[in-house]
Amino acid sequence: MPVQSQDHARGQVTALLRGTFHRRRPSDADTHLFLAGEMAACIWHRYDVGPFGWEAKHLRWFLTEATQDLSALDRQAYYATGRIVGEALGRWAAWERKIRWEAVELEQGRGEASSSEGMAREDAELLVQQGECPGAPGVAVHTFAAGEIARCIWLKFNLSPDQWQANHIRWFFETAADALPDSDRSAYIQAIQRLGSRLGRWRAWNIAQFSSLSRSNVRAF
């Protein structure tokens, strides 16, 4: 049965991993579910194929080209998720020799996060994790989302989280994250809520400004 949309592809890979995690759930399962959904949507957009139709070339393209602007750490996270999906499909043994991680390693200076970009991302991730148990529901996803927000805002405005204002957050949702489905936008909004709360700026950023960014309700901290 053809996969009709990005959301359909996301749903398929999420269902596949949930079935796998039902037998043995890793501590970072939420992160893998989130990353697998991003991967499935991206591959569908490029090749019009869902996860059950993936071949080694699809995953290799994603890891080498679609993620080339991400940091090495983020690309390694996607590689780990790709391996889990491949194993769930029963294809990783055949794929592994065709997807050499050495070929995905960044060339010197290419795609590496600058120290300032890396610091902005790390600051955002640590802020989201403050006061949370590492295994608490949603923490892994919100941590990843906060890092992505920090990376995008740094690349656009050269600002770390403690310098953000409402217009920077609005830019992220209206531009950088415009194509995301509501389910993912909701995760990013919740990450922003956590960041704003930790920084003591959520109300100053004005909750009302973000009410139209997702059909999901935005909870005030």
N, C-alpha and C. Protein backbone atom coordinates (compact mmCIF):
# COMPACT_ATOMS: atom_id res chain seq x y z
N MET A 1 0.84 -1.20 0.00
CA MET A 1 0.00 0.00 0.00
C MET A 1 0.88 1.25 0.00
N PRO A 2 0.67 2.15 -0.99
CA PRO A 2 1.51 3.35 -1.09
C PRO A 2 1.35 4.24 0.14
N VAL A 3 2.44 4.89 0.50
CA VAL A 3 2.42 5.85 1.61
C VAL A 3 2.02 7.19 1.03
N GLN A 4 0.94 7.77 1.55
CA GLN A 4 0.32 8.93 0.92
C GLN A 4 0.89 10.27 1.37
N SER A 5 1.56 10.30 2.51
CA SER A 5 2.00 11.59 3.04
C SER A 5 3.15 11.43 4.03
N GLN A 6 3.75 12.56 4.40
CA GLN A 6 4.79 12.55 5.42
C GLN A 6 4.23 12.01 6.74
N ASP A 7 3.02 12.45 7.08
CA ASP A 7 2.42 12.00 8.34
C ASP A 7 2.20 10.49 8.34
N HIS A 8 1.81 9.95 7.18
CA HIS A 8 1.62 8.51 7.05
C HIS A 8 2.95 7.79 7.28
N ALA A 9 4.02 8.31 6.69
CA ALA A 9 5.36 7.72 6.86
C ALA A 9 5.79 7.79 8.32
N ARG A 10 5.54 8.93 8.96
CA ARG A 10 5.85 9.07 10.38
C ARG A 10 5.10 8.04 11.21
N GLY A 11 3.81 7.92 10.92
CA GLY A 11 2.99 6.98 11.67
C GLY A 11 3.47 5.55 11.53
N GLN A 12 3.89 5.17 10.32
CA GLN A 12 4.36 3.81 10.10
C GLN A 12 5.63 3.51 10.90
N VAL A 13 6.60 4.43 10.84
CA VAL A 13 7.86 4.15 11.53
C VAL A 13 7.67 4.21 13.05
N THR A 14 6.77 5.09 13.51
CA THR A 14 6.49 5.17 14.94
C THR A 14 5.85 3.88 15.43
N ALA A 15 4.89 3.37 14.67
CA ALA A 15 4.23 2.11 15.04
C ALA A 15 5.22 0.96 15.03
N LEU A 16 6.12 0.96 14.05
CA LEU A 16 7.14 -0.09 13.96
C LEU A 16 8.02 -0.10 15.21
N LEU A 17 8.50 1.08 15.60
CA LEU A 17 9.39 1.14 16.77
C LEU A 17 8.65 0.88 18.07
N ARG A 18 7.41 1.36 18.16
CA ARG A 18 6.64 1.10 19.39
C ARG A 18 6.48 -0.41 19.59
N GLY A 19 6.27 -1.13 18.49
CA GLY A 19 6.15 -2.58 18.60
C GLY A 19 7.46 -3.21 19.06
N THR A 20 8.57 -2.68 18.56
CA THR A 20 9.89 -3.17 18.98
C THR A 20 10.16 -2.84 20.44
N PHE A 21 9.82 -1.60 20.84
CA PHE A 21 10.08 -1.16 22.21
C PHE A 21 9.16 -1.84 23.21
N HIS A 22 8.06 -2.40 22.72
CA HIS A 22 7.16 -3.13 23.63
C HIS A 22 7.87 -4.33 24.22
N ARG A 23 8.79 -4.90 23.43
CA ARG A 23 9.55 -6.06 23.91
C ARG A 23 10.74 -5.63 24.77
N ARG A 24 11.41 -4.56 24.35
CA ARG A 24 12.57 -4.07 25.10
C ARG A 24 12.68 -2.58 24.85
N ARG A 25 12.28 -1.78 25.83
CA ARG A 25 12.25 -0.33 25.67
C ARG A 25 13.53 0.31 26.18
N PRO A 26 14.32 0.95 25.32
CA PRO A 26 15.54 1.62 25.78
C PRO A 26 15.20 2.90 26.54
N SER A 27 16.14 3.39 27.33
CA SER A 27 15.90 4.59 28.13
C SER A 27 15.66 5.83 27.26
N ASP A 28 16.22 5.82 26.05
CA ASP A 28 16.06 6.97 25.15
C ASP A 28 15.05 6.68 24.05
N ALA A 29 14.05 5.87 24.36
CA ALA A 29 13.05 5.48 23.36
C ALA A 29 12.33 6.69 22.77
N ASP A 30 11.98 7.68 23.59
CA ASP A 30 11.26 8.85 23.09
C ASP A 30 12.08 9.61 22.05
N THR A 31 13.37 9.70 22.28
CA THR A 31 14.24 10.37 21.31
C THR A 31 14.27 9.61 20.00
N HIS A 32 14.40 8.30 20.05
CA HIS A 32 14.43 7.50 18.82
C HIS A 32 13.10 7.61 18.07
N LEU A 33 11.99 7.63 18.79
CA LEU A 33 10.70 7.77 18.13
C LEU A 33 10.60 9.10 17.41
N PHE A 34 11.06 10.15 18.08
CA PHE A 34 11.03 11.49 17.48
C PHE A 34 11.93 11.57 16.25
N LEU A 35 13.17 11.09 16.38
CA LEU A 35 14.12 11.16 15.26
C LEU A 35 13.68 10.27 14.10
N ALA A 36 13.12 9.11 14.40
CA ALA A 36 12.64 8.22 13.34
C ALA A 36 11.52 8.89 12.55
N GLY A 37 10.65 9.63 13.25
CA GLY A 37 9.58 10.35 12.56
C GLY A 37 10.14 11.41 11.63
N GLU A 38 11.15 12.15 12.11
CA GLU A 38 11.78 13.18 11.27
C GLU A 38 12.43 12.53 10.05
N MET A 39 13.09 11.42 10.27
CA MET A 39 13.76 10.70 9.19
C MET A 39 12.76 10.21 8.15
N ALA A 40 11.66 9.63 8.63
CA ALA A 40 10.65 9.09 7.72
C ALA A 40 10.02 10.19 6.87
N ALA A 41 9.73 11.34 7.49
CA ALA A 41 9.12 12.45 6.76
C ALA A 41 10.06 12.98 5.69
N CYS A 42 11.33 13.08 6.04
CA CYS A 42 12.33 13.61 5.11
C CYS A 42 12.54 12.66 3.93
N ILE A 43 12.65 11.37 4.21
CA ILE A 43 12.85 10.39 3.14
C ILE A 43 11.61 10.31 2.26
N TRP A 44 10.42 10.40 2.86
CA TRP A 44 9.21 10.38 2.04
C TRP A 44 9.18 11.59 1.11
N HIS A 45 9.52 12.76 1.63
CA HIS A 45 9.51 13.98 0.83
C HIS A 45 10.48 13.87 -0.35
N ARG A 46 11.60 13.20 -0.16
CA ARG A 46 12.61 13.08 -1.21
C ARG A 46 12.31 11.94 -2.18
N TYR A 47 11.86 10.79 -1.65
CA TYR A 47 11.71 9.60 -2.47
C TYR A 47 10.28 9.10 -2.61
N ASP A 48 9.34 9.69 -1.86
CA ASP A 48 7.95 9.24 -1.91
C ASP A 48 7.83 7.76 -1.53
N VAL A 49 8.55 7.37 -0.48
CA VAL A 49 8.52 5.98 -0.04
C VAL A 49 8.48 5.96 1.49
N GLY A 50 7.71 5.02 2.04
CA GLY A 50 7.60 4.88 3.48
C GLY A 50 8.65 3.94 4.03
N PRO A 51 8.75 3.81 5.33
CA PRO A 51 9.81 3.01 5.96
C PRO A 51 9.84 1.55 5.53
N PHE A 52 8.67 0.95 5.25
CA PHE A 52 8.67 -0.46 4.85
C PHE A 52 9.22 -0.64 3.44
N GLY A 53 9.38 0.46 2.72
CA GLY A 53 9.97 0.40 1.38
C GLY A 53 11.40 0.90 1.33
N TRP A 54 11.96 1.21 2.50
CA TRP A 54 13.33 1.75 2.52
C TRP A 54 14.34 0.71 2.05
N GLU A 55 15.35 1.23 1.36
CA GLU A 55 16.54 0.47 1.01
C GLU A 55 17.74 1.19 1.60
N ALA A 56 18.90 0.57 1.50
CA ALA A 56 20.10 1.18 2.07
C ALA A 56 20.34 2.57 1.49
N LYS A 57 20.04 2.77 0.22
CA LYS A 57 20.31 4.06 -0.42
C LYS A 57 19.51 5.19 0.21
N HIS A 58 18.30 4.88 0.71
CA HIS A 58 17.47 5.92 1.32
C HIS A 58 18.09 6.40 2.63
N LEU A 59 18.51 5.45 3.45
CA LEU A 59 19.12 5.82 4.73
C LEU A 59 20.47 6.49 4.51
N ARG A 60 21.22 5.98 3.52
CA ARG A 60 22.53 6.59 3.24
C ARG A 60 22.37 8.03 2.78
N TRP A 61 21.36 8.29 1.93
CA TRP A 61 21.11 9.67 1.49
C TRP A 61 20.77 10.56 2.68
N PHE A 62 19.91 10.05 3.57
CA PHE A 62 19.52 10.87 4.72
C PHE A 62 20.72 11.20 5.59
N LEU A 63 21.57 10.21 5.86
CA LEU A 63 22.69 10.42 6.77
C LEU A 63 23.81 11.26 6.16
N THR A 64 23.96 11.21 4.84
CA THR A 64 25.05 11.93 4.21
C THR A 64 24.65 13.30 3.67
N GLU A 65 23.40 13.43 3.23
CA GLU A 65 22.99 14.69 2.58
C GLU A 65 21.95 15.46 3.37
N ALA A 66 20.89 14.80 3.79
CA ALA A 66 19.81 15.51 4.46
C ALA A 66 20.25 16.10 5.80
N THR A 67 21.24 15.50 6.43
CA THR A 67 21.67 15.96 7.75
C THR A 67 23.04 16.65 7.71
N GLN A 68 23.49 17.04 6.54
CA GLN A 68 24.86 17.53 6.42
C GLN A 68 25.12 18.83 7.18
N ASP A 69 24.06 19.58 7.49
CA ASP A 69 24.25 20.83 8.21
C ASP A 69 24.14 20.67 9.73
N LEU A 70 23.86 19.45 10.18
CA LEU A 70 23.77 19.21 11.62
C LEU A 70 25.15 18.94 12.21
N SER A 71 25.23 19.03 13.51
CA SER A 71 26.49 18.74 14.19
C SER A 71 26.77 17.24 14.12
N ALA A 72 28.03 16.87 14.34
CA ALA A 72 28.41 15.45 14.32
C ALA A 72 27.62 14.67 15.36
N LEU A 73 27.38 15.28 16.52
CA LEU A 73 26.65 14.61 17.59
C LEU A 73 25.22 14.29 17.15
N ASP A 74 24.55 15.24 16.49
CA ASP A 74 23.19 15.01 16.04
C ASP A 74 23.14 13.96 14.94
N ARG A 75 24.13 13.97 14.06
CA ARG A 75 24.14 12.99 12.98
C ARG A 75 24.39 11.58 13.53
N GLN A 76 25.20 11.49 14.55
CA GLN A 76 25.41 10.20 15.19
C GLN A 76 24.12 9.70 15.84
N ALA A 77 23.33 10.63 16.40
CA ALA A 77 22.05 10.25 17.00
C ALA A 77 21.11 9.71 15.93
N TYR A 78 21.09 10.35 14.76
CA TYR A 78 20.26 9.86 13.66
C TYR A 78 20.75 8.50 13.16
N TYR A 79 22.06 8.32 13.12
CA TYR A 79 22.61 7.04 12.70
C TYR A 79 22.14 5.93 13.65
N ALA A 80 22.20 6.21 14.96
CA ALA A 80 21.76 5.21 15.94
C ALA A 80 20.29 4.87 15.76
N THR A 81 19.47 5.89 15.48
CA THR A 81 18.05 5.65 15.25
C THR A 81 17.84 4.87 13.95
N GLY A 82 18.60 5.22 12.91
CA GLY A 82 18.49 4.49 11.64
C GLY A 82 18.82 3.02 11.81
N ARG A 83 19.79 2.75 12.65
CA ARG A 83 20.16 1.36 12.90
C ARG A 83 19.02 0.62 13.60
N ILE A 84 18.38 1.26 14.57
CA ILE A 84 17.27 0.64 15.28
C ILE A 84 16.11 0.35 14.32
N VAL A 85 15.83 1.31 13.42
CA VAL A 85 14.78 1.09 12.43
C VAL A 85 15.16 -0.07 11.51
N GLY A 86 16.40 -0.07 11.06
CA GLY A 86 16.86 -1.15 10.18
C GLY A 86 16.75 -2.51 10.84
N GLU A 87 17.09 -2.56 12.11
CA GLU A 87 16.98 -3.83 12.85
C GLU A 87 15.52 -4.24 13.00
N ALA A 88 14.65 -3.25 13.25
CA ALA A 88 13.22 -3.56 13.40
C ALA A 88 12.64 -4.09 12.09
N LEU A 89 13.18 -3.63 10.97
CA LEU A 89 12.72 -4.09 9.65
C LEU A 89 13.39 -5.40 9.25
N GLY A 90 14.41 -5.83 10.02
CA GLY A 90 15.13 -7.05 9.68
C GLY A 90 16.07 -6.88 8.52
N ARG A 91 16.52 -5.62 8.28
CA ARG A 91 17.36 -5.33 7.11
C ARG A 91 18.74 -4.79 7.45
N TRP A 92 19.00 -4.57 8.74
CA TRP A 92 20.24 -3.90 9.08
C TRP A 92 21.48 -4.70 8.67
N ALA A 93 21.44 -6.00 8.79
CA ALA A 93 22.59 -6.83 8.41
C ALA A 93 22.97 -6.60 6.95
N ALA A 94 21.96 -6.45 6.09
CA ALA A 94 22.23 -6.21 4.66
C ALA A 94 22.62 -4.76 4.41
N TRP A 95 22.09 -3.84 5.21
CA TRP A 95 22.37 -2.42 5.01
C TRP A 95 23.72 -1.99 5.54
N GLU A 96 24.15 -2.60 6.64
CA GLU A 96 25.30 -2.06 7.38
C GLU A 96 26.54 -1.95 6.50
N ARG A 97 26.79 -2.95 5.65
CA ARG A 97 27.99 -2.90 4.82
C ARG A 97 27.88 -1.84 3.73
N LYS A 98 26.65 -1.38 3.45
CA LYS A 98 26.46 -0.35 2.43
C LYS A 98 26.39 1.05 3.04
N ILE A 99 26.19 1.09 4.36
CA ILE A 99 26.12 2.39 5.03
C ILE A 99 27.29 2.46 6.00
N ARG A 100 28.42 2.84 5.48
CA ARG A 100 29.61 2.91 6.32
C ARG A 100 29.59 4.23 7.09
N TRP A 101 29.58 4.14 8.42
CA TRP A 101 29.53 5.38 9.21
C TRP A 101 30.75 6.25 8.93
N GLU A 102 31.87 5.59 8.54
CA GLU A 102 33.05 6.38 8.22
C GLU A 102 32.76 7.35 7.08
N ALA A 103 31.87 6.95 6.15
CA ALA A 103 31.54 7.80 5.03
C ALA A 103 30.65 8.95 5.44
N VAL A 104 30.02 8.81 6.60
CA VAL A 104 29.14 9.86 7.10
C VAL A 104 29.91 10.85 7.99
N GLU A 105 31.09 10.43 8.44
CA GLU A 105 31.89 11.32 9.28
C GLU A 105 32.12 12.64 8.55
N LEU A 106 32.02 13.71 9.27
CA LEU A 106 32.16 15.02 8.65
C LEU A 106 33.60 15.25 8.22
N GLU A 107 33.74 15.88 7.05
CA GLU A 107 35.07 16.30 6.62
C GLU A 107 35.54 17.39 7.57
N GLN A 108 36.84 17.53 7.65
CA GLN A 108 37.38 18.51 8.59
C GLN A 108 36.81 19.89 8.32
N GLY A 109 36.16 20.44 9.34
CA GLY A 109 35.59 21.78 9.22
C GLY A 109 34.24 21.83 8.56
N ARG A 110 33.74 20.72 7.97
CA ARG A 110 32.48 20.75 7.24
C ARG A 110 31.35 20.31 8.15
N GLY A 111 30.37 21.21 8.34
CA GLY A 111 29.20 20.86 9.12
C GLY A 111 29.43 20.85 10.62
N GLU A 112 30.65 21.05 11.08
CA GLU A 112 30.89 21.04 12.51
C GLU A 112 30.29 22.27 13.16
N ALA A 113 29.67 22.09 14.28
CA ALA A 113 29.12 23.22 14.99
C ALA A 113 30.25 24.09 15.52
N SER A 114 30.13 25.38 15.37
CA SER A 114 31.13 26.27 15.96
C SER A 114 31.04 26.13 17.47
N SER A 115 32.11 26.53 18.16
CA SER A 115 32.09 26.40 19.61
C SER A 115 30.93 27.18 20.19
N SER A 116 30.63 28.35 19.61
CA SER A 116 29.53 29.16 20.13
C SER A 116 28.19 28.51 19.84
N GLU A 117 28.04 27.95 18.65
CA GLU A 117 26.80 27.25 18.32
C GLU A 117 26.61 26.06 19.24
N GLY A 118 27.71 25.31 19.45
CA GLY A 118 27.64 24.15 20.33
C GLY A 118 27.31 24.55 21.76
N MET A 119 27.85 25.67 22.20
CA MET A 119 27.57 26.14 23.56
C MET A 119 26.12 26.57 23.69
N ALA A 120 25.58 27.23 22.65
CA ALA A 120 24.18 27.65 22.68
C ALA A 120 23.27 26.43 22.78
N ARG A 121 23.60 25.41 21.99
CA ARG A 121 22.80 24.19 22.02
C ARG A 121 22.89 23.51 23.40
N GLU A 122 24.10 23.42 23.92
CA GLU A 122 24.29 22.78 25.21
C GLU A 122 23.57 23.55 26.32
N ASP A 123 23.63 24.88 26.27
CA ASP A 123 22.95 25.70 27.27
C ASP A 123 21.44 25.42 27.26
N ALA A 124 20.87 25.38 26.05
CA ALA A 124 19.43 25.13 25.92
C ALA A 124 19.06 23.75 26.45
N GLU A 125 19.87 22.75 26.11
CA GLU A 125 19.58 21.38 26.56
C GLU A 125 19.65 21.27 28.08
N LEU A 126 20.67 21.90 28.67
CA LEU A 126 20.81 21.84 30.12
C LEU A 126 19.67 22.57 30.83
N LEU A 127 19.21 23.68 30.25
CA LEU A 127 18.10 24.41 30.85
C LEU A 127 16.84 23.57 30.87
N VAL A 128 16.57 22.87 29.78
CA VAL A 128 15.37 22.03 29.69
C VAL A 128 15.44 20.89 30.70
N GLN A 129 16.63 20.38 30.95
CA GLN A 129 16.80 19.23 31.83
C GLN A 129 16.80 19.59 33.31
N GLN A 130 16.92 20.88 33.62
CA GLN A 130 16.98 21.30 35.03
C GLN A 130 15.77 20.82 35.81
N GLY A 131 16.02 20.15 36.92
CA GLY A 131 14.95 19.72 37.80
C GLY A 131 14.13 18.55 37.29
N GLU A 132 14.56 17.94 36.16
CA GLU A 132 13.82 16.82 35.60
C GLU A 132 14.59 15.52 35.79
N CYS A 133 13.86 14.44 36.00
CA CYS A 133 14.50 13.12 36.03
C CYS A 133 14.84 12.74 34.59
N PRO A 134 16.04 12.23 34.33
CA PRO A 134 16.45 11.90 32.97
C PRO A 134 15.47 11.02 32.22
N GLY A 135 14.83 10.09 32.92
CA GLY A 135 13.92 9.17 32.24
C GLY A 135 12.47 9.61 32.24
N ALA A 136 12.20 10.82 32.72
CA ALA A 136 10.81 11.31 32.78
C ALA A 136 10.24 11.46 31.37
N PRO A 137 8.93 11.21 31.21
CA PRO A 137 8.30 11.31 29.89
C PRO A 137 8.54 12.67 29.25
N GLY A 138 8.96 12.64 27.99
CA GLY A 138 9.10 13.87 27.23
C GLY A 138 10.43 14.59 27.37
N VAL A 139 11.21 14.28 28.39
CA VAL A 139 12.44 15.03 28.63
C VAL A 139 13.42 14.88 27.47
N ALA A 140 13.59 13.65 26.98
CA ALA A 140 14.53 13.42 25.88
C ALA A 140 14.12 14.18 24.62
N VAL A 141 12.83 14.13 24.30
CA VAL A 141 12.34 14.83 23.12
C VAL A 141 12.48 16.33 23.28
N HIS A 142 12.11 16.86 24.44
CA HIS A 142 12.21 18.30 24.67
C HIS A 142 13.66 18.76 24.68
N THR A 143 14.54 17.91 25.17
CA THR A 143 15.97 18.25 25.17
C THR A 143 16.47 18.38 23.74
N PHE A 144 16.12 17.40 22.91
CA PHE A 144 16.53 17.45 21.51
C PHE A 144 15.95 18.67 20.81
N ALA A 145 14.65 18.92 21.04
CA ALA A 145 13.98 20.06 20.41
C ALA A 145 14.61 21.38 20.84
N ALA A 146 14.94 21.51 22.12
CA ALA A 146 15.56 22.74 22.61
C ALA A 146 16.90 22.97 21.94
N GLY A 147 17.67 21.88 21.76
CA GLY A 147 18.95 22.00 21.09
C GLY A 147 18.81 22.44 19.65
N GLU A 148 17.79 21.91 18.96
CA GLU A 148 17.54 22.30 17.57
C GLU A 148 17.13 23.76 17.47
N ILE A 149 16.28 24.21 18.39
CA ILE A 149 15.87 25.62 18.41
C ILE A 149 17.09 26.51 18.62
N ALA A 150 17.94 26.14 19.57
CA ALA A 150 19.13 26.93 19.86
C ALA A 150 20.07 26.97 18.66
N ARG A 151 20.21 25.84 17.98
CA ARG A 151 21.08 25.79 16.81
C ARG A 151 20.58 26.72 15.71
N CYS A 152 19.28 26.65 15.43
CA CYS A 152 18.70 27.48 14.37
C CYS A 152 18.80 28.97 14.70
N ILE A 153 18.47 29.32 15.94
CA ILE A 153 18.50 30.74 16.33
C ILE A 153 19.94 31.26 16.35
N TRP A 154 20.87 30.42 16.77
CA TRP A 154 22.26 30.86 16.75
C TRP A 154 22.72 31.13 15.31
N LEU A 155 22.42 30.21 14.39
CA LEU A 155 22.85 30.36 13.01
C LEU A 155 22.23 31.59 12.34
N LYS A 156 21.01 31.93 12.75
CA LYS A 156 20.33 33.08 12.16
C LYS A 156 20.70 34.40 12.85
N PHE A 157 20.73 34.39 14.18
CA PHE A 157 20.87 35.65 14.93
C PHE A 157 22.15 35.75 15.76
N ASN A 158 22.92 34.64 15.85
CA ASN A 158 24.13 34.65 16.68
C ASN A 158 23.82 34.95 18.15
N LEU A 159 22.76 34.36 18.65
CA LEU A 159 22.33 34.62 20.02
C LEU A 159 22.23 33.31 20.81
N SER A 160 22.66 33.34 22.05
CA SER A 160 22.51 32.21 22.96
C SER A 160 21.15 32.33 23.66
N PRO A 161 20.66 31.26 24.29
CA PRO A 161 19.32 31.27 24.88
C PRO A 161 19.05 32.43 25.84
N ASP A 162 20.06 32.84 26.61
CA ASP A 162 19.81 33.91 27.57
C ASP A 162 19.65 35.28 26.92
N GLN A 163 19.83 35.33 25.58
CA GLN A 163 19.66 36.58 24.84
C GLN A 163 18.39 36.59 23.99
N TRP A 164 17.66 35.50 23.99
CA TRP A 164 16.48 35.40 23.13
C TRP A 164 15.38 36.36 23.58
N GLN A 165 14.66 36.85 22.58
CA GLN A 165 13.45 37.64 22.81
C GLN A 165 12.31 36.98 22.04
N ALA A 166 11.11 37.47 22.25
CA ALA A 166 9.93 36.85 21.63
C ALA A 166 10.05 36.79 20.11
N ASN A 167 10.64 37.83 19.49
CA ASN A 167 10.72 37.85 18.03
C ASN A 167 11.62 36.73 17.49
N HIS A 168 12.60 36.29 18.28
CA HIS A 168 13.46 35.19 17.84
C HIS A 168 12.69 33.87 17.87
N ILE A 169 11.89 33.69 18.91
CA ILE A 169 11.07 32.48 19.00
C ILE A 169 10.04 32.44 17.88
N ARG A 170 9.42 33.59 17.64
CA ARG A 170 8.42 33.66 16.56
C ARG A 170 9.07 33.35 15.21
N TRP A 171 10.26 33.88 14.97
CA TRP A 171 10.95 33.59 13.71
C TRP A 171 11.14 32.08 13.55
N PHE A 172 11.55 31.41 14.63
CA PHE A 172 11.79 29.98 14.54
C PHE A 172 10.53 29.24 14.09
N PHE A 173 9.40 29.54 14.72
CA PHE A 173 8.17 28.81 14.40
C PHE A 173 7.58 29.20 13.06
N GLU A 174 7.75 30.44 12.66
CA GLU A 174 7.14 30.89 11.40
C GLU A 174 8.03 30.58 10.20
N THR A 175 9.31 30.36 10.43
CA THR A 175 10.24 30.15 9.31
C THR A 175 10.92 28.79 9.39
N ALA A 176 11.76 28.60 10.40
CA ALA A 176 12.56 27.37 10.48
C ALA A 176 11.72 26.12 10.66
N ALA A 177 10.61 26.24 11.41
CA ALA A 177 9.78 25.07 11.72
C ALA A 177 8.43 25.11 11.03
N ASP A 178 8.32 25.91 10.00
CA ASP A 178 7.02 26.12 9.36
C ASP A 178 6.42 24.85 8.77
N ALA A 179 7.28 23.95 8.26
CA ALA A 179 6.78 22.75 7.57
C ALA A 179 6.49 21.59 8.52
N LEU A 180 6.77 21.75 9.81
CA LEU A 180 6.55 20.65 10.74
C LEU A 180 5.06 20.42 10.97
N PRO A 181 4.64 19.16 11.13
CA PRO A 181 3.25 18.89 11.49
C PRO A 181 2.98 19.34 12.92
N ASP A 182 1.71 19.47 13.27
CA ASP A 182 1.34 19.97 14.59
C ASP A 182 1.92 19.14 15.73
N SER A 183 2.03 17.81 15.53
CA SER A 183 2.55 16.96 16.60
C SER A 183 3.97 17.34 16.96
N ASP A 184 4.79 17.65 15.95
CA ASP A 184 6.17 18.04 16.22
C ASP A 184 6.26 19.48 16.70
N ARG A 185 5.43 20.36 16.14
CA ARG A 185 5.44 21.75 16.59
C ARG A 185 5.06 21.82 18.07
N SER A 186 4.17 20.96 18.47
CA SER A 186 3.77 20.92 19.88
C SER A 186 4.96 20.58 20.77
N ALA A 187 5.80 19.62 20.33
CA ALA A 187 6.99 19.26 21.11
C ALA A 187 7.95 20.44 21.21
N TYR A 188 8.10 21.17 20.12
CA TYR A 188 8.99 22.33 20.13
C TYR A 188 8.43 23.45 21.01
N ILE A 189 7.11 23.64 20.96
CA ILE A 189 6.49 24.67 21.81
C ILE A 189 6.68 24.32 23.28
N GLN A 190 6.52 23.04 23.62
CA GLN A 190 6.72 22.62 25.00
C GLN A 190 8.17 22.82 25.43
N ALA A 191 9.11 22.61 24.50
CA ALA A 191 10.52 22.85 24.81
C ALA A 191 10.74 24.33 25.08
N ILE A 192 10.11 25.19 24.28
CA ILE A 192 10.23 26.64 24.47
C ILE A 192 9.62 27.05 25.81
N GLN A 193 8.50 26.44 26.16
CA GLN A 193 7.89 26.73 27.46
C GLN A 193 8.86 26.42 28.60
N ARG A 194 9.51 25.26 28.50
CA ARG A 194 10.46 24.87 29.54
C ARG A 194 11.63 25.85 29.60
N LEU A 195 12.14 26.22 28.42
CA LEU A 195 13.26 27.17 28.38
C LEU A 195 12.85 28.52 28.96
N GLY A 196 11.69 29.01 28.53
CA GLY A 196 11.22 30.30 29.03
C GLY A 196 11.00 30.29 30.52
N SER A 197 10.48 29.19 31.02
CA SER A 197 10.25 29.06 32.45
C SER A 197 11.56 29.06 33.22
N ARG A 198 12.55 28.29 32.74
CA ARG A 198 13.84 28.23 33.42
C ARG A 198 14.55 29.59 33.42
N LEU A 199 14.35 30.34 32.34
CA LEU A 199 14.99 31.66 32.22
C LEU A 199 14.18 32.77 32.89
N GLY A 200 12.96 32.42 33.35
CA GLY A 200 12.09 33.41 33.97
C GLY A 200 11.53 34.41 32.98
N ARG A 201 11.38 33.98 31.70
CA ARG A 201 10.95 34.91 30.66
C ARG A 201 9.70 34.48 29.91
N TRP A 202 9.13 33.35 30.30
CA TRP A 202 8.02 32.84 29.50
C TRP A 202 6.87 33.84 29.43
N ARG A 203 6.51 34.44 30.54
CA ARG A 203 5.41 35.41 30.51
C ARG A 203 5.83 36.69 29.82
N ALA A 204 7.09 37.06 29.94
CA ALA A 204 7.57 38.26 29.25
C ALA A 204 7.57 38.06 27.75
N TRP A 205 7.78 36.81 27.31
CA TRP A 205 7.74 36.52 25.88
C TRP A 205 6.31 36.58 25.36
N ASN A 206 5.34 36.59 26.27
CA ASN A 206 3.92 36.75 25.94
C ASN A 206 3.34 35.48 25.33
N ILE A 207 2.68 34.70 26.17
CA ILE A 207 2.08 33.44 25.74
C ILE A 207 1.13 33.65 24.57
N ALA A 208 0.42 34.77 24.56
CA ALA A 208 -0.57 35.01 23.51
C ALA A 208 0.05 35.02 22.12
N GLN A 209 1.31 35.43 22.03
CA GLN A 209 1.96 35.49 20.72
C GLN A 209 2.06 34.13 20.07
N PHE A 210 2.09 33.08 20.90
CA PHE A 210 2.32 31.75 20.36
C PHE A 210 1.04 30.92 20.25
N SER A 211 -0.08 31.52 20.56
CA SER A 211 -1.33 30.76 20.59
C SER A 211 -1.72 30.25 19.21
N SER A 212 -1.27 30.91 18.15
CA SER A 212 -1.65 30.50 16.80
C SER A 212 -0.64 29.55 16.16
N LEU A 213 0.43 29.21 16.88
CA LEU A 213 1.48 28.40 16.26
C LEU A 213 1.14 26.93 16.22
N SER A 214 0.20 26.50 17.00
CA SER A 214 -0.19 25.09 16.99
C SER A 214 -1.65 24.97 17.39
N ARG A 215 -2.30 23.99 16.85
CA ARG A 215 -3.69 23.78 17.26
C ARG A 215 -3.75 23.16 18.65
N SER A 216 -2.61 22.68 19.13
CA SER A 216 -2.56 22.14 20.49
C SER A 216 -2.60 23.28 21.49
N ASN A 217 -3.18 23.05 22.63
CA ASN A 217 -3.23 24.08 23.65
C ASN A 217 -1.84 24.30 24.24
N VAL A 218 -1.48 25.53 24.48
CA VAL A 218 -0.20 25.87 25.08
C VAL A 218 -0.44 26.11 26.56
N ARG A 219 0.24 25.30 27.38
CA ARG A 219 0.05 25.38 28.82
C ARG A 219 1.01 26.41 29.41
N ALA A 220 0.49 27.31 30.24
CA ALA A 220 1.33 28.31 30.89
C ALA A 220 2.06 27.69 32.06
N PHE A 221 3.31 28.02 32.20
CA PHE A 221 4.11 27.51 33.34
C PHE A 221 3.95 28.45 34.52
